[in-house]
Protein backbone atom coordinates (compact mmCIF):
# COMPACT_ATOMS: atom_id res chain seq x y z
CA MET A 1 23.90 35.62 69.83
CA LYS A 2 20.95 37.54 70.46
CA LYS A 3 19.16 35.39 67.38
CA LYS A 4 20.97 31.78 69.03
CA LEU A 5 18.78 32.83 72.26
CA LEU A 6 15.45 33.64 70.52
CA LEU A 7 15.52 30.29 68.92
CA LEU A 8 16.45 28.49 72.19
CA LEU A 9 13.50 30.40 73.66
CA MET A 10 11.41 29.25 71.34
CA VAL A 11 11.92 25.24 71.24
CA ILE A 12 11.70 25.27 74.77
CA THR A 13 8.87 27.02 74.95
CA MET A 14 7.38 24.82 72.08
CA SER A 15 9.05 21.28 74.06
CA THR A 16 6.72 22.80 76.90
CA VAL A 17 4.09 23.36 75.13
CA LEU A 18 4.05 19.93 73.70
CA ALA A 19 4.63 18.32 77.09
CA ALA A 20 1.48 20.09 77.90
CA CYS A 21 -0.60 18.55 75.10
CA LYS A 22 0.54 15.24 75.08
CA SER A 23 -2.32 13.25 74.36
CA ASP A 24 -3.91 10.39 73.54
CA LYS A 25 -5.31 10.52 69.63
CA ALA A 26 -8.93 10.04 70.79
CA THR A 27 -9.04 13.41 72.37
CA GLY A 28 -8.33 15.70 69.43
CA GLY A 29 -5.32 17.12 71.86
CA LYS A 30 -7.62 18.31 74.17
CA VAL A 31 -5.89 16.65 77.29
CA ASP A 32 -3.42 17.92 79.88
CA MET A 33 -1.80 14.63 80.50
CA SER A 34 1.88 16.56 81.34
CA GLU A 35 1.30 15.42 84.81
CA HIS A 36 1.66 11.75 85.98
CA VAL A 37 -1.49 10.72 88.19
CA GLU A 38 -2.38 7.35 90.17
CA ILE A 39 -5.71 6.30 89.63
CA THR A 40 -7.98 4.04 91.88
CA TYR A 41 -10.60 1.72 91.50
CA MET A 42 -13.21 0.29 93.71
CA THR A 43 -14.18 -2.73 92.83
CA THR A 44 -15.48 -5.55 94.87
CA GLY A 45 -14.08 -8.94 96.08
CA ASN A 46 -11.66 -10.54 97.69
CA LYS A 47 -7.53 -9.09 97.18
CA PRO A 48 -5.65 -11.91 95.84
CA THR A 49 -2.98 -12.67 97.53
CA ASN A 50 -0.79 -14.96 94.79
CA GLY A 51 0.98 -12.20 93.20
CA LYS A 52 0.04 -12.70 89.57
CA THR A 53 -2.54 -9.23 90.09
CA GLU A 54 0.68 -7.51 90.06
CA ILE A 55 3.03 -9.00 88.03
CA MET A 56 0.04 -7.94 85.11
CA MET A 57 -0.52 -4.78 86.51
CA GLU A 58 3.21 -4.11 86.35
CA LYS A 59 2.51 -4.27 82.38
CA LEU A 60 -0.89 -2.29 82.30
CA ASN A 61 -0.06 0.16 83.27
CA ALA A 62 3.23 0.31 81.24
CA ILE A 63 1.06 0.72 78.78
CA LEU A 64 -1.50 3.81 80.43
CA LYS A 65 1.83 5.65 81.24
CA GLU A 66 2.66 5.62 77.74
CA LYS A 67 -0.76 6.38 76.62
CA VAL A 68 -2.64 9.29 79.22
CA ASN A 69 0.67 9.09 81.74
CA ALA A 70 -1.43 7.38 84.51
CA THR A 71 -1.44 4.71 86.62
CA LEU A 72 -4.03 1.86 88.21
CA LYS A 73 -3.82 0.85 91.43
CA ILE A 74 -7.20 -1.39 92.68
CA TYR A 75 -8.76 -0.69 96.02
CA TRP A 76 -10.98 -3.82 97.11
CA ILE A 77 -13.81 -4.16 98.88
CA GLU A 78 -13.71 -7.38 100.06
CA TRP A 79 -16.95 -9.70 100.54
CA THR A 80 -17.38 -9.71 104.26
CA ASP A 81 -19.92 -7.39 105.14
CA TYR A 82 -19.22 -5.63 101.58
CA MET A 83 -21.95 -3.18 101.34
CA THR A 84 -21.76 -1.32 104.63
CA THR A 85 -18.02 -1.35 104.02
CA TYR A 86 -18.67 0.17 100.17
CA ASN A 87 -21.32 2.84 101.49
CA LEU A 88 -19.09 3.85 103.94
CA THR A 89 -15.46 4.56 101.56
CA LEU A 90 -18.30 6.60 99.71
CA ALA A 91 -19.53 8.18 102.44
CA GLN A 92 -15.98 9.47 103.62
CA ASN A 93 -15.99 11.79 100.22
CA ASP A 94 -12.19 12.04 100.47
CA GLY A 95 -10.76 11.40 96.85
CA THR A 96 -9.51 8.02 98.14
CA VAL A 97 -10.78 6.51 94.92
CA ASP A 98 -11.25 7.63 91.80
CA LEU A 99 -13.28 4.87 89.37
CA VAL A 100 -16.49 3.38 91.40
CA GLY A 101 -17.51 -0.21 90.10
CA THR A 102 -21.23 0.13 91.10
CA ALA A 103 -24.75 -1.52 90.46
CA THR A 104 -28.03 -0.19 90.15
CA ASP A 105 -29.65 -3.42 91.64
CA TRP A 106 -27.44 -4.90 94.18
CA LEU A 107 -24.51 -1.82 94.79
CA ASP A 108 -26.51 1.02 95.42
CA ALA A 109 -25.67 3.14 92.89
CA TRP A 110 -28.81 5.29 93.00
CA PRO A 111 -28.91 5.97 96.54
CA ASN A 112 -25.52 7.06 96.13
CA VAL A 113 -26.35 9.31 93.41
CA LYS A 114 -28.52 11.08 95.11
CA LYS A 115 -25.73 10.98 98.39
CA GLY A 116 -23.94 13.17 96.31
CA ALA A 117 -21.03 10.15 96.10
CA PHE A 118 -20.85 10.31 91.78
CA LEU A 119 -19.64 13.01 89.62
CA GLU A 120 -21.85 14.21 87.04
CA LEU A 121 -20.61 13.57 83.50
CA SER A 122 -22.00 16.30 81.00
CA GLU A 123 -21.96 14.89 77.43
CA ASP A 124 -18.65 16.80 76.59
CA MET A 125 -16.61 15.73 78.92
CA LEU A 126 -17.31 11.89 78.00
CA LYS A 127 -17.10 12.88 74.05
CA THR A 128 -13.32 14.31 75.46
CA TYR A 129 -12.45 12.12 77.85
CA ALA A 130 -13.81 8.79 76.90
CA PRO A 131 -14.74 9.33 73.61
CA LYS A 132 -14.55 5.84 72.27
CA THR A 133 -17.00 4.44 75.18
CA TRP A 134 -19.70 7.49 74.19
CA GLU A 135 -19.33 6.26 70.95
CA SER A 136 -20.22 2.99 71.56
CA VAL A 137 -23.41 3.41 73.78
CA PRO A 138 -26.75 4.51 72.35
CA GLN A 139 -28.25 7.57 73.43
CA GLU A 140 -30.88 5.30 74.94
CA TYR A 141 -28.45 3.76 77.20
CA TRP A 142 -27.61 6.79 78.33
CA ASP A 143 -30.62 8.19 78.88
CA MET A 144 -31.08 5.68 81.42
CA CYS A 145 -27.88 6.29 83.28
CA LYS A 146 -29.22 9.47 84.30
CA TYR A 147 -30.68 11.42 87.37
CA GLU A 148 -32.58 14.09 87.12
CA GLY A 149 -31.79 14.90 83.69
CA GLU A 150 -27.34 14.30 84.52
CA ILE A 151 -25.00 11.36 83.56
CA TYR A 152 -23.79 9.49 86.31
CA LEU A 153 -23.35 5.82 85.23
CA ILE A 154 -21.49 4.22 82.17
CA PRO A 155 -23.71 0.90 81.85
CA GLU A 156 -22.06 -2.34 80.45
CA ASP A 157 -23.98 -2.33 77.61
CA ASN A 158 -22.25 -4.36 75.30
CA TYR A 159 -21.60 -7.66 77.06
CA ALA A 160 -24.25 -10.44 77.15
CA GLN A 161 -24.86 -11.90 80.20
CA TRP A 162 -28.05 -14.19 81.46
CA ILE A 163 -27.64 -14.24 85.96
CA ASN A 164 -31.97 -15.50 85.30
CA HIS A 165 -31.65 -18.21 87.94
CA GLY A 166 -33.54 -21.96 87.59
CA PHE A 167 -32.28 -25.63 88.64
CA MET A 168 -29.75 -27.05 87.03
CA TYR A 169 -29.90 -31.54 86.82
CA ARG A 170 -28.80 -34.27 85.30
CA MET A 171 -30.11 -34.92 81.88
CA ASP A 172 -28.75 -38.87 82.86
CA TRP A 173 -31.10 -39.04 85.53
CA ALA A 174 -34.40 -37.00 84.10
CA LYS A 175 -33.85 -39.29 81.28
CA GLU A 176 -34.48 -42.55 83.23
CA ALA A 177 -37.05 -40.29 85.40
CA GLY A 178 -38.99 -40.73 82.31
CA LEU A 179 -38.61 -37.22 81.14
CA ALA A 180 -37.14 -37.51 77.87
CA ASN A 181 -36.08 -33.89 76.87
CA GLY A 182 -34.97 -32.91 80.45
CA VAL A 183 -36.76 -30.59 83.14
CA HIS A 184 -38.66 -27.61 81.58
CA SER A 185 -41.35 -26.91 84.48
CA TRP A 186 -42.04 -27.03 88.08
CA SER A 187 -43.77 -30.55 87.52
CA ASP A 188 -40.98 -32.03 85.81
CA LEU A 189 -38.20 -30.78 88.99
CA GLY A 190 -40.75 -33.00 91.58
CA LYS A 191 -41.06 -36.10 89.19
CA TYR A 192 -37.41 -35.77 88.99
CA PHE A 193 -36.67 -35.01 92.85
CA GLN A 194 -38.91 -38.12 93.42
CA TYR A 195 -37.23 -40.20 91.14
CA ILE A 196 -34.30 -39.97 92.28
CA LYS A 197 -35.40 -39.86 95.75
CA ASP A 198 -37.05 -43.76 95.25
CA ASN A 199 -34.16 -45.05 92.87
CA LYS A 200 -30.60 -43.53 94.07
CA GLU A 201 -29.60 -44.47 97.30
CA GLY A 202 -27.63 -41.79 99.38
CA VAL A 203 -28.56 -39.25 97.45
CA ILE A 204 -30.33 -36.30 98.60
CA PRO A 205 -32.73 -35.05 95.75
CA TRP A 206 -31.61 -31.18 96.33
CA ASP A 207 -28.97 -30.81 99.25
CA ALA A 208 -29.88 -26.94 99.40
CA SER A 209 -28.29 -24.60 102.21
CA GLY A 210 -31.36 -22.94 103.47
CA SER A 211 -29.52 -20.89 105.67
CA GLY A 212 -29.26 -17.84 103.25
CA THR A 213 -31.37 -15.38 102.32
CA THR A 214 -30.73 -15.84 98.72
CA VAL A 215 -31.95 -19.13 98.01
CA TYR A 216 -35.83 -18.87 99.42
CA THR A 217 -35.64 -15.36 97.64
CA THR A 218 -34.46 -17.00 94.63
CA LEU A 219 -36.98 -19.65 94.71
CA SER A 220 -40.21 -18.05 95.80
CA GLY A 221 -39.23 -15.25 92.80
CA GLY A 222 -38.58 -18.11 90.72
CA TRP A 223 -42.00 -20.00 91.45
CA ILE A 224 -43.84 -16.60 90.42
CA SER A 225 -42.12 -15.52 87.46
CA SER A 226 -42.66 -19.31 86.58
CA HIS A 227 -47.10 -18.56 86.84
CA THR A 228 -47.68 -15.58 86.28
CA ASP A 229 -46.74 -12.75 84.41
CA ASP A 230 -45.22 -10.32 86.91
CA VAL A 231 -42.07 -8.43 86.97
CA PHE A 232 -40.08 -8.12 89.62
CA ILE A 233 -39.11 -4.41 90.84
CA GLU A 234 -35.11 -4.33 91.55
CA GLY A 235 -33.52 -2.66 94.24
CA LEU A 236 -36.06 -2.39 97.19
CA GLU A 237 -35.43 -3.35 100.72
CA VAL A 238 -37.32 -6.18 100.62
CA PRO A 239 -38.29 -8.25 97.31
CA LEU A 240 -42.03 -7.93 97.68
CA PHE A 241 -42.76 -5.69 94.63
CA TYR A 242 -43.73 -6.13 90.59
CA GLY A 243 -45.59 -4.64 87.80
CA ASN A 244 -48.36 -6.19 87.28
CA SER A 245 -47.27 -7.68 84.05
CA LYS A 246 -45.59 -7.17 80.88
CA ASP A 247 -48.79 -5.47 79.41
CA ASP A 248 -49.83 -3.59 82.74
CA LEU A 249 -45.84 -2.61 83.69
CA TYR A 250 -46.46 0.17 85.71
CA THR A 251 -48.83 -0.93 88.49
CA VAL A 252 -47.25 -2.05 91.22
CA VAL A 253 -48.54 -5.09 92.80
CA SER A 254 -47.47 -7.77 95.02
CA PRO A 255 -48.36 -11.54 94.65
CA PHE A 256 -46.81 -12.58 98.03
CA TYR A 257 -50.03 -9.72 99.71
CA GLU A 258 -52.35 -11.34 97.14
CA GLY A 259 -53.32 -13.97 94.73
CA ASN A 260 -52.57 -17.89 94.60
CA GLU A 261 -49.42 -17.81 93.64
CA LEU A 262 -47.72 -18.28 97.27
CA VAL A 263 -50.60 -20.71 98.54
CA GLU A 264 -49.60 -23.19 95.96
CA PHE A 265 -46.16 -22.58 96.26
CA ALA A 266 -46.52 -22.69 100.26
CA LYS A 267 -48.60 -26.18 99.60
CA THR A 268 -45.94 -27.06 96.89
CA MET A 269 -42.97 -26.75 99.07
CA LYS A 270 -44.64 -28.71 101.99
CA ALA A 271 -45.26 -31.28 99.86
CA TRP A 272 -41.59 -31.80 98.53
CA ALA A 273 -40.31 -30.94 102.22
CA ASP A 274 -42.62 -33.96 103.21
CA ALA A 275 -41.38 -35.91 99.79
CA GLY A 276 -37.86 -36.09 101.93
CA TYR A 277 -36.17 -33.54 98.50
CA TRP A 278 -34.17 -32.21 100.79
CA ARG A 279 -33.06 -32.25 104.64
CA THR A 280 -35.67 -31.52 107.28
CA ASP A 281 -32.69 -29.45 109.13
CA VAL A 282 -32.66 -27.59 106.08
CA LEU A 283 -33.07 -24.28 107.63
CA ASN A 284 -29.84 -24.40 109.41
CA TYR A 285 -27.99 -26.38 106.82
CA SER A 286 -24.70 -24.37 105.24
CA GLY A 287 -22.93 -26.58 103.34
CA GLU A 288 -22.03 -26.30 99.77
CA THR A 289 -24.42 -27.42 97.49
CA ARG A 290 -22.53 -27.34 94.15
CA GLU A 291 -19.82 -29.85 96.16
CA GLU A 292 -22.27 -32.26 96.63
CA PHE A 293 -23.59 -32.24 93.39
CA TYR A 294 -19.92 -32.28 91.70
CA ILE A 295 -19.51 -36.18 93.79
CA GLY A 296 -22.93 -37.33 92.72
CA HIS A 297 -24.34 -36.87 96.21
CA THR A 298 -27.51 -34.49 95.26
CA GLY A 299 -29.30 -34.19 92.18
CA ALA A 300 -29.60 -30.44 91.44
CA ASP A 301 -27.81 -27.09 91.97
CA GLN A 302 -29.60 -23.68 92.05
CA HIS A 303 -28.18 -21.10 90.48
CA HIS A 304 -28.21 -18.73 87.21
CA THR A 305 -27.38 -19.33 83.76
CA GLN A 306 -23.94 -18.14 83.86
CA THR A 307 -22.91 -20.36 86.44
CA TRP A 308 -24.25 -23.43 84.21
CA TYR A 309 -22.47 -22.82 80.58
CA THR A 310 -19.29 -21.09 82.31
CA SER A 311 -18.46 -23.41 85.97
CA VAL A 312 -20.90 -26.32 86.61
CA ARG A 313 -21.53 -28.34 82.63
CA PRO A 314 -18.18 -28.01 82.18
CA LYS A 315 -16.99 -29.03 85.73
CA MET A 316 -19.58 -31.81 85.95
CA ASP A 317 -18.68 -33.31 82.34
CA GLU A 318 -15.18 -33.69 84.09
CA THR A 319 -16.45 -35.40 87.48
CA GLN A 320 -19.91 -37.33 86.58
CA PRO A 321 -19.15 -37.91 83.19
CA GLY A 322 -22.55 -38.27 81.07
CA SER A 323 -23.98 -36.69 83.76
CA ASP A 324 -25.25 -33.89 80.65
CA VAL A 325 -26.00 -31.11 83.04
CA GLY A 326 -29.49 -29.30 82.01
CA PHE A 327 -30.65 -25.79 83.11
CA PHE A 328 -34.52 -25.37 83.79
CA TYR A 329 -34.66 -21.51 84.36
CA PHE A 330 -37.91 -20.26 86.07
CA GLY A 331 -39.76 -18.45 84.21
CA GLU A 332 -39.97 -20.88 81.30
CA GLU A 333 -43.19 -21.80 81.26
CA THR A 334 -44.54 -18.52 80.99
CA GLN A 335 -41.85 -17.18 78.96
CA ASN A 336 -41.75 -14.88 81.25
CA LEU A 337 -38.03 -13.26 81.35
CA VAL A 338 -36.31 -9.92 81.55
CA ALA A 339 -32.96 -9.28 80.28
CA LEU A 340 -30.66 -8.02 82.87
CA SER A 341 -30.43 -3.95 83.55
CA ILE A 342 -27.55 -2.47 81.19
CA THR A 343 -26.50 -1.13 84.88
CA HIS A 344 -26.33 -4.38 86.61
CA GLY A 345 -22.77 -3.44 86.26
CA ALA A 346 -21.76 0.70 85.42
CA MET A 347 -19.07 2.39 86.08
CA ALA A 348 -18.33 5.80 88.24
CA VAL A 349 -16.50 8.42 88.73
CA ALA A 350 -15.98 9.43 92.51
CA SER A 351 -17.27 12.93 93.13
CA SER A 352 -14.10 13.03 95.38
CA SER A 353 -11.80 12.55 92.60
CA LYS A 354 -8.71 14.37 91.63
CA ASN A 355 -7.94 13.33 88.43
CA PRO A 356 -11.67 12.50 87.12
CA GLU A 357 -10.58 13.91 83.30
CA ARG A 358 -7.71 11.14 83.58
CA ALA A 359 -9.97 8.38 85.55
CA LEU A 360 -12.69 8.90 82.05
CA MET A 361 -9.00 8.33 79.71
CA VAL A 362 -7.86 4.78 81.55
CA TYR A 363 -11.49 3.70 82.16
CA ASP A 364 -12.10 4.39 77.90
CA LEU A 365 -8.88 2.21 77.84
CA LEU A 366 -9.86 -0.54 80.00
CA ARG A 367 -12.89 -0.97 78.08
CA ASN A 368 -12.04 -0.48 74.60
CA ASP A 369 -8.38 -0.84 73.71
CA GLU A 370 -7.42 -4.43 72.78
CA GLU A 371 -4.40 -4.68 74.67
CA CYS A 372 -5.72 -3.16 78.03
CA TYR A 373 -8.87 -5.11 78.05
CA ARG A 374 -7.24 -8.60 77.08
CA LEU A 375 -4.42 -7.45 79.92
CA PHE A 376 -7.05 -6.46 82.79
CA ASN A 377 -9.51 -9.19 81.86
CA TYR A 378 -7.69 -12.51 81.19
CA GLY A 379 -4.05 -11.32 81.76
CA ILE A 380 -0.97 -11.99 80.34
CA GLU A 381 -0.88 -14.57 77.26
CA GLY A 382 1.23 -17.81 77.86
CA GLU A 383 0.77 -17.31 81.29
CA GLN A 384 -2.66 -16.72 82.27
CA TYR A 385 -4.56 -17.82 78.88
CA ILE A 386 -3.24 -18.58 75.42
CA ILE A 387 -5.36 -18.57 71.97
CA LYS A 388 -6.35 -21.94 70.40
CA GLU A 389 -6.36 -22.44 66.33
CA ASP A 390 -9.87 -21.63 66.55
CA GLY A 391 -9.27 -18.29 68.20
CA THR A 392 -11.09 -19.51 71.54
CA MET A 393 -9.17 -18.87 75.36
CA ASP A 394 -8.07 -21.70 77.11
CA ARG A 395 -5.43 -21.80 80.17
CA PRO A 396 -1.61 -22.85 79.16
CA GLU A 397 -0.86 -26.23 79.86
CA GLY A 398 -0.13 -26.87 83.36
CA PHE A 399 -1.92 -23.60 84.79
CA ASP A 400 -3.38 -24.14 88.60
CA SER A 401 -5.76 -21.54 89.10
CA ASP A 402 -5.11 -20.88 92.79
CA ARG A 403 -0.96 -20.45 91.61
CA ASP A 404 -2.20 -18.97 88.74
CA SER A 405 -5.01 -17.00 88.19
CA ILE A 406 -5.15 -12.91 88.04
CA GLN A 407 -8.30 -11.29 89.54
CA THR A 408 -9.64 -7.82 88.74
CA ASN A 409 -13.40 -8.36 89.09
CA PHE A 410 -14.01 -5.64 85.81
CA TRP A 411 -17.73 -6.34 86.06
CA TRP A 412 -18.20 -2.37 85.28
CA GLY A 413 -16.94 -2.67 81.61
CA ARG A 414 -17.23 -5.40 79.61
CA ASN A 415 -17.22 -5.81 76.09
CA ASP A 416 -18.62 -8.45 73.69
CA ASP A 417 -16.38 -7.02 70.62
CA LEU A 418 -12.68 -7.74 72.65
CA GLU A 419 -14.45 -10.54 74.50
CA LEU A 420 -12.74 -14.11 73.85
CA LEU A 421 -14.62 -17.15 74.16
CA ASN A 422 -13.66 -19.99 76.52
CA SER A 423 -13.31 -23.40 74.91
CA THR A 424 -13.84 -24.78 78.67
CA TRP A 425 -17.21 -23.54 78.78
CA TYR A 426 -20.20 -25.39 77.45
CA ASN A 427 -20.44 -22.92 74.86
CA GLU A 428 -23.23 -24.92 72.22
CA GLY A 429 -25.74 -24.77 75.21
CA ARG A 430 -24.56 -21.11 75.95
CA ALA A 431 -25.07 -20.80 71.92
CA LYS A 432 -29.09 -21.98 71.87
CA MET A 433 -29.99 -20.85 75.61
CA PHE A 434 -28.80 -17.20 74.30
CA GLU A 435 -30.46 -18.25 71.01
CA GLU A 436 -34.07 -18.96 73.27
CA TYR A 437 -33.99 -16.22 75.67
CA SER A 438 -33.57 -13.54 72.81
CA LYS A 439 -36.80 -14.75 71.30
CA PHE A 440 -39.03 -13.52 74.37
CA ALA A 441 -37.09 -11.10 76.94
CA ILE A 442 -38.10 -8.47 77.36
CA PRO A 443 -35.39 -5.12 78.65
CA TYR A 444 -35.71 -4.09 82.52
CA PRO A 445 -38.53 -1.59 82.77
CA TYR A 446 -37.55 0.21 85.75
CA GLY A 447 -33.96 1.13 85.40
CA GLN A 448 -34.30 4.50 85.53
CA ILE A 449 -36.82 5.26 88.41
CA VAL A 450 -34.86 5.63 91.42
CA PHE A 451 -37.71 4.97 94.51
CA ASN A 452 -37.59 7.05 97.16
CA THR A 453 -38.90 4.99 100.45
CA ASN A 454 -38.09 7.80 102.95
CA ASN A 455 -41.71 8.16 103.23
CA VAL A 456 -42.47 4.35 104.15
CA LYS A 457 -38.74 3.65 105.86
CA ALA A 458 -40.46 2.05 108.99
CA GLN A 459 -42.86 0.21 107.55
CA MET A 460 -40.14 -0.68 104.65
CA SER A 461 -38.14 -2.38 107.84
CA ASN A 462 -41.00 -4.04 109.56
CA LEU A 463 -41.67 -5.86 105.96
CA SER A 464 -38.60 -7.17 106.06
CA ASP A 465 -38.70 -8.50 109.16
CA VAL A 466 -41.74 -9.73 108.64
CA TYR A 467 -40.31 -11.86 105.22
CA ASN A 468 -37.64 -13.23 106.70
CA ASN A 469 -39.36 -14.50 109.82
CA TYR A 470 -41.80 -16.50 107.59
CA MET A 471 -40.48 -16.77 103.46
CA PRO A 472 -37.56 -19.29 105.11
CA ARG A 473 -40.38 -21.28 106.22
CA ILE A 474 -42.60 -20.92 103.53
CA ALA A 475 -39.97 -21.62 100.88
CA PHE A 476 -39.47 -25.22 102.46
CA GLY A 477 -42.16 -26.63 103.77
CA LYS A 478 -41.52 -26.14 107.44
CA VAL A 479 -45.21 -25.24 108.74
CA ASP A 480 -47.87 -27.40 109.30
CA ASP A 481 -51.04 -25.59 107.07
CA ALA A 482 -49.19 -23.74 103.96
CA GLU A 483 -52.50 -22.12 103.42
CA ALA A 484 -53.17 -20.88 107.71
CA PHE A 485 -49.49 -19.78 107.31
CA VAL A 486 -49.60 -18.40 103.91
CA ALA A 487 -53.03 -16.06 105.34
CA GLU A 488 -50.85 -15.36 108.66
CA PHE A 489 -48.17 -14.07 106.70
CA ARG A 490 -50.27 -11.88 104.64
CA ASP A 491 -52.02 -10.68 107.72
CA ALA A 492 -48.65 -9.96 108.95
CA LEU A 493 -47.70 -8.30 105.75
CA LYS A 494 -50.90 -6.10 106.41
CA ALA A 495 -49.73 -4.97 110.42
CA ALA A 496 -46.45 -4.12 108.54
CA GLY A 497 -47.52 -1.50 106.39
CA ILE A 498 -47.59 -2.87 102.75
CA GLU A 499 -50.35 -1.07 102.06
CA ASP A 500 -48.91 1.96 102.59
CA VAL A 501 -45.83 1.24 100.47
CA ILE A 502 -47.49 -0.15 97.17
CA LYS A 503 -49.80 3.24 97.50
CA GLU A 504 -45.92 5.74 97.99
CA LEU A 505 -44.62 3.30 95.12
CA GLN A 506 -47.47 3.37 92.73
CA LYS A 507 -47.45 7.28 93.33
CA GLN A 508 -43.58 7.21 92.61
CA MET A 509 -44.38 5.19 89.28
CA ASP A 510 -47.43 7.39 88.02
CA GLU A 511 -45.25 10.41 88.30
CA PHE A 512 -42.38 9.19 86.64
CA TYR A 513 -43.75 7.57 83.55
CA LYS A 514 -47.08 10.37 83.55
């Protein structure tokens, strides 16, 4: 009897130990997963409403539960006033979220690191709980995710994407305009617009929506990258500051404040406005330029490379057969192109997470496990996507995006080793453009420096007001005398304290890169 009792106790003890040590093979048996946990993933975007994402998540969560005894929930930061909501959610620091999609250039990653919103990720922690991710990210990339010597971000470093901006245009009309090889300079673009103005009745050469700041910010920045060797410094409160050149990256300058490039830009935009290349009320117009492009009512749309080959070119091939939409990218004339920062998309763990270890394990699966990756990014095979004989992805027959698509906005861990090439994309153009970019694009050089603008906070605020007051009119030529208006703008920048800001940024640049 005693022996049976002893044997029973041994069995119970062993069962308890095994339950406590249930682990994924990659963790080497170090992780206690006896307790089921729910991990909340925070991302930007409007919550999907067709019910398909929830169906996919049921399948995904069954896998996550089996592999790491966890399930995943999505916490949406909707686009309306998203920046404020995003930062307020993190500031609550109440354990609401675990995994946080972030970015150093558009989602305040570094400011939130400094505020203590994100958890410090030790090398041991990453090796133990996200081993596949740790092994796949080069050491120099981990270094780019450090603040004061510690890792806080996981980069989306193995996903090729180009979101450098430029103009999409109709190759058929460009050839008619005498541009046999297409549009490859601002001068070509002007000729193209003039041809449309003279020969395409009822068509506005570029029916721009000038009411949004993105358009005129990108337009002026595009001119500068096309006419200088300056390198834009991202993440500051106002887009005025650059590194002097690719050969002198760490000298802070502002081509908006000095030099002749802005004057020439202003003159050209006034000439284009006077020629009628866009609406006279462009600054108040908020229409859908792309929809106008699709139906043939405008000759151009301004956005980035990825939009061109994934969306606009395929759609135009349907709506305007033979249009053969090309892409003129900013910086093409000067080969001044900077690759997207690997922390344009990054994953962080909230410092208030109750289960940071399990959160990392879930992320490791989402990023590296083929079954989880396909579910989370593409949906259920046969319902959201199919694999064609050539290995590319397509949609099932009868697929309707509004009715059938899933949405997770996983822009923080995409992995080219598991990506499916979409058969509907303009893949020939994609490959050609990627090859061209790779020949001369440089890595973003300022990904690690975290500028502290507290000492020039008032000046930054004043500069933002000045910029938003003057630049829309400069960008769309709504001035009487372009050169005089630029001079007035620069006087206003000086009065707002731009020289103080340049001095402060230069001081920090020197300290960081000394």
